[in-house]
Amino acid sequence: MVLKSLGVLSCAKITGALYAVLGLIGGAFFALFSLLGAGVAASQSDGGAFIGMLFGVGAIIFLPLFYGVMGFVMGALTAFVYNIVAGFAGGVEMELE
C-alpha cells in the first residue's frame, strides 16, 4: 500500500488542532511561571507584579491561538509539498492490518 496523496485541508486541521493543544499546555506553564514571578515582584513592591500577571494571562490566550494558526499553515504547506514530492518519488510505502 502506497500513500500517494494527502488531503491538504485535512492535514491542516489536524496539525492546527494538535499545535493548539500544545500551545495551551505551553501557555499554562508560561502562565504559572509568570504568576510565580509576579508573586515575587509583589513582595518587593516595585510594581512589576501587574506585568507578570498580564503575561501569564496573555499566554493562556495568545499561545494556543498562535500555535494553532501556525500549525494549520504549516500542516497545509507540508501536505502540499508532500503531494508534489510524492508525484516524483512515488509516495510512502505503508503496511496496514
Protein backbone atom coordinates (compact mmCIF):
# COMPACT_ATOMS: atom_id res chain seq x y z
CA MET A 1 0.00 0.00 0.00
CA VAL A 2 1.43 3.39 -1.00
CA LEU A 3 0.33 6.77 0.31
CA LYS A 4 0.30 8.89 -2.84
CA SER A 5 -1.58 11.98 -1.71
CA LEU A 6 -2.60 13.83 1.43
CA GLY A 7 -5.69 15.98 1.90
CA VAL A 8 -4.22 19.44 2.40
CA LEU A 9 -7.15 20.82 4.42
CA SER A 10 -7.43 17.60 6.42
CA CYS A 11 -3.76 17.73 7.42
CA ALA A 12 -4.01 21.43 8.17
CA LYS A 13 -6.98 20.92 10.52
CA ILE A 14 -5.32 18.07 12.40
CA THR A 15 -1.96 19.80 12.82
CA GLY A 16 -3.69 23.06 13.75
CA ALA A 17 -5.65 21.30 16.50
CA LEU A 18 -2.58 19.43 17.77
CA TYR A 19 -0.50 22.58 17.89
CA ALA A 20 -3.31 24.48 19.65
CA VAL A 21 -3.30 21.83 22.39
CA LEU A 22 0.48 22.08 22.64
CA GLY A 23 0.14 25.87 22.83
CA LEU A 24 -2.39 25.52 25.64
CA ILE A 25 0.00 23.29 27.60
CA GLY A 26 2.91 25.65 26.95
CA GLY A 27 0.76 28.66 27.80
CA ALA A 28 -0.25 27.07 31.10
CA PHE A 29 3.39 26.56 32.08
CA PHE A 30 4.27 30.08 30.96
CA ALA A 31 1.34 31.49 32.94
CA LEU A 32 2.33 29.52 36.04
CA PHE A 33 5.90 30.80 35.97
CA SER A 34 4.75 34.35 35.19
CA LEU A 35 2.35 34.33 38.12
CA LEU A 36 5.07 32.96 40.40
CA GLY A 37 7.33 35.76 39.23
CA ALA A 38 4.53 38.26 39.81
CA GLY A 39 4.21 36.98 43.37
CA VAL A 40 7.91 37.56 43.97
CA ALA A 41 7.69 41.02 42.39
CA ALA A 42 4.64 41.88 44.53
CA SER A 43 6.56 41.01 47.68
CA GLN A 44 9.22 43.54 46.66
CA SER A 45 6.62 46.27 45.93
CA ASP A 46 8.19 47.55 42.73
CA GLY A 47 5.08 47.40 40.53
CA GLY A 48 6.28 44.52 38.34
CA ALA A 49 3.55 42.20 39.59
CA PHE A 50 0.95 43.58 37.18
CA ILE A 51 3.17 42.99 34.15
CA GLY A 52 3.89 39.41 35.29
CA MET A 53 0.19 38.69 35.70
CA LEU A 54 -0.56 40.26 32.31
CA PHE A 55 1.98 37.99 30.61
CA GLY A 56 0.63 34.98 32.48
CA VAL A 57 -2.98 35.53 31.44
CA GLY A 58 -1.94 36.56 27.92
CA ALA A 59 -0.02 33.30 27.48
CA ILE A 60 -3.17 31.23 28.09
CA ILE A 61 -4.94 33.13 25.29
CA PHE A 62 -2.14 34.01 22.86
CA LEU A 63 -0.03 30.83 22.71
CA PRO A 64 -2.83 28.38 21.79
CA LEU A 65 -4.09 30.77 19.10
CA PHE A 66 -0.61 31.39 17.71
CA TYR A 67 0.40 27.72 17.79
CA GLY A 68 -2.94 26.66 16.28
CA VAL A 69 -2.71 29.09 13.36
CA MET A 70 0.92 28.26 12.69
CA GLY A 71 0.17 24.53 12.90
CA PHE A 72 -2.68 24.95 10.41
CA VAL A 73 -0.49 26.88 7.96
CA MET A 74 2.48 24.54 8.30
CA GLY A 75 0.26 21.45 8.05
CA ALA A 76 -1.25 22.74 4.81
CA LEU A 77 2.18 23.64 3.43
CA THR A 78 3.66 20.27 4.42
CA ALA A 79 0.78 18.32 2.82
CA PHE A 80 1.02 20.42 -0.34
CA VAL A 81 4.77 19.88 -0.66
CA TYR A 82 4.38 16.16 0.15
CA ASN A 83 1.88 15.78 -2.68
CA ILE A 84 4.34 17.37 -5.12
CA VAL A 85 7.29 15.27 -3.94
CA ALA A 86 5.20 12.07 -3.85
CA GLY A 87 4.34 12.66 -7.51
CA PHE A 88 8.03 12.34 -8.36
CA ALA A 89 9.20 9.85 -5.72
CA GLY A 90 6.13 7.61 -5.62
CA GLY A 91 4.90 8.18 -2.08
CA VAL A 92 5.44 6.45 1.25
CA GLU A 93 5.02 2.70 1.45
CA MET A 94 2.73 1.54 4.27
CA GLU A 95 1.67 -1.82 5.59
CA LEU A 96 -1.71 -1.86 7.34
CA GLU A 97 -3.66 -4.63 9.03
